Amino acid sequence: MLAAPLGRKAARAKGGEAVVPAAEFKAKCLAIFDAVERKGRSFVVTKRGRPVARVVPLPRGPSALRGTLLHEEDLLAPVDSDWDALL
């Protein structure tokens, strides 16, 4: 399904991930996201030939992200230090 939106055979990184230049990613990111979600494919986005980002599928299931968020006791508590904007 992704071959048509990308319009070319994607290059492959060492890990077997498809390599996509940033300009192409910008133009076709929704099709790439669809391939990630539906087929579990991973992509490496490059800028001037250097890898700058990796798009990978998220783990599935109701508890897939459990334990990945930081916990703060009181998010609304005042901050103890002065901000530069207040000086």
Protein backbone atom coordinates (compact mmCIF):
# COMPACT_ATOMS: atom_id res chain seq x y z
CA MET A 1 0.00 0.00 0.00
CA LEU A 2 2.85 2.40 0.72
CA ALA A 3 4.73 1.83 -2.53
CA ALA A 4 2.28 3.99 -4.48
CA PRO A 5 2.30 6.98 -2.09
CA LEU A 6 6.11 6.99 -1.89
CA GLY A 7 6.43 6.64 -5.64
CA ARG A 8 9.74 4.78 -5.48
CA LYS A 9 11.34 1.77 -3.90
CA ALA A 10 12.50 2.96 -0.48
CA ALA A 11 16.14 2.55 0.52
CA ARG A 12 16.80 0.43 3.59
CA ALA A 13 18.81 1.22 6.72
CA LYS A 14 20.94 -1.43 8.46
CA GLY A 15 18.00 -2.54 10.62
CA GLY A 16 15.77 -3.07 7.57
CA GLU A 17 13.90 0.20 8.09
CA ALA A 18 12.89 2.22 5.07
CA VAL A 19 14.92 5.42 4.63
CA VAL A 20 12.94 8.52 3.60
CA PRO A 21 14.39 11.98 2.89
CA ALA A 22 12.85 14.76 5.02
CA ALA A 23 11.28 16.53 2.03
CA GLU A 24 9.52 13.32 0.98
CA PHE A 25 8.45 12.63 4.57
CA LYS A 26 6.94 16.12 4.75
CA ALA A 27 4.96 15.56 1.57
CA LYS A 28 3.81 12.02 2.39
CA CYS A 29 3.83 11.76 6.16
CA LEU A 30 0.19 10.62 6.45
CA ALA A 31 0.81 7.70 4.09
CA ILE A 32 3.95 6.83 6.06
CA PHE A 33 2.01 6.97 9.34
CA ASP A 34 -0.58 4.63 7.81
CA ALA A 35 2.16 2.13 6.90
CA VAL A 36 3.57 2.35 10.43
CA GLU A 37 0.16 1.78 12.01
CA ARG A 38 -1.24 -0.87 9.68
CA LYS A 39 1.84 -2.88 8.77
CA GLY A 40 4.17 -2.17 11.69
CA ARG A 41 6.86 -0.76 9.38
CA SER A 42 9.60 1.53 10.68
CA PHE A 43 11.13 4.48 8.84
CA VAL A 44 14.32 6.52 9.22
CA VAL A 45 13.94 10.14 8.14
CA THR A 46 17.10 11.74 6.76
CA LYS A 47 18.14 15.33 6.19
CA ARG A 48 20.92 15.81 3.65
CA GLY A 49 21.62 12.09 3.88
CA ARG A 50 22.04 12.03 7.68
CA PRO A 51 19.49 10.20 9.85
CA VAL A 52 17.60 12.65 12.07
CA ALA A 53 14.47 10.79 13.20
CA ARG A 54 12.93 7.34 13.42
CA VAL A 55 9.20 6.68 13.02
CA VAL A 56 8.25 3.41 14.71
CA PRO A 57 4.97 1.76 15.70
CA LEU A 58 3.83 2.12 19.30
CA PRO A 59 3.27 -1.01 21.36
CA ARG A 60 -0.33 -2.20 21.21
CA GLY A 61 -2.66 -3.04 24.05
CA PRO A 62 -4.35 -1.21 26.90
CA SER A 63 -1.25 -1.17 29.11
CA ALA A 64 1.35 -0.67 26.38
CA LEU A 65 2.46 2.73 27.69
CA ARG A 66 2.12 1.89 31.39
CA GLY A 67 5.22 2.99 33.28
CA THR A 68 6.52 5.24 30.50
CA LEU A 69 5.28 8.52 31.99
CA LEU A 70 6.96 10.40 34.81
CA HIS A 71 4.99 10.89 37.99
CA GLU A 72 4.90 14.18 39.85
CA GLU A 73 3.16 14.47 43.21
CA ASP A 74 1.51 17.86 42.66
CA LEU A 75 1.58 19.32 39.16
CA LEU A 76 -0.14 22.52 40.30
CA ALA A 77 2.19 23.31 43.21
CA PRO A 78 4.10 26.62 42.96
CA VAL A 79 7.65 26.52 41.65
CA ASP A 80 10.27 27.42 44.28
CA SER A 81 12.46 29.54 42.00
CA ASP A 82 11.89 32.92 40.32
CA TRP A 83 11.32 33.00 36.60
CA ASP A 84 13.32 35.34 34.35
CA ALA A 85 10.04 36.81 33.12
CA LEU A 86 9.25 38.05 36.62
CA LEU A 87 12.57 39.81 37.19
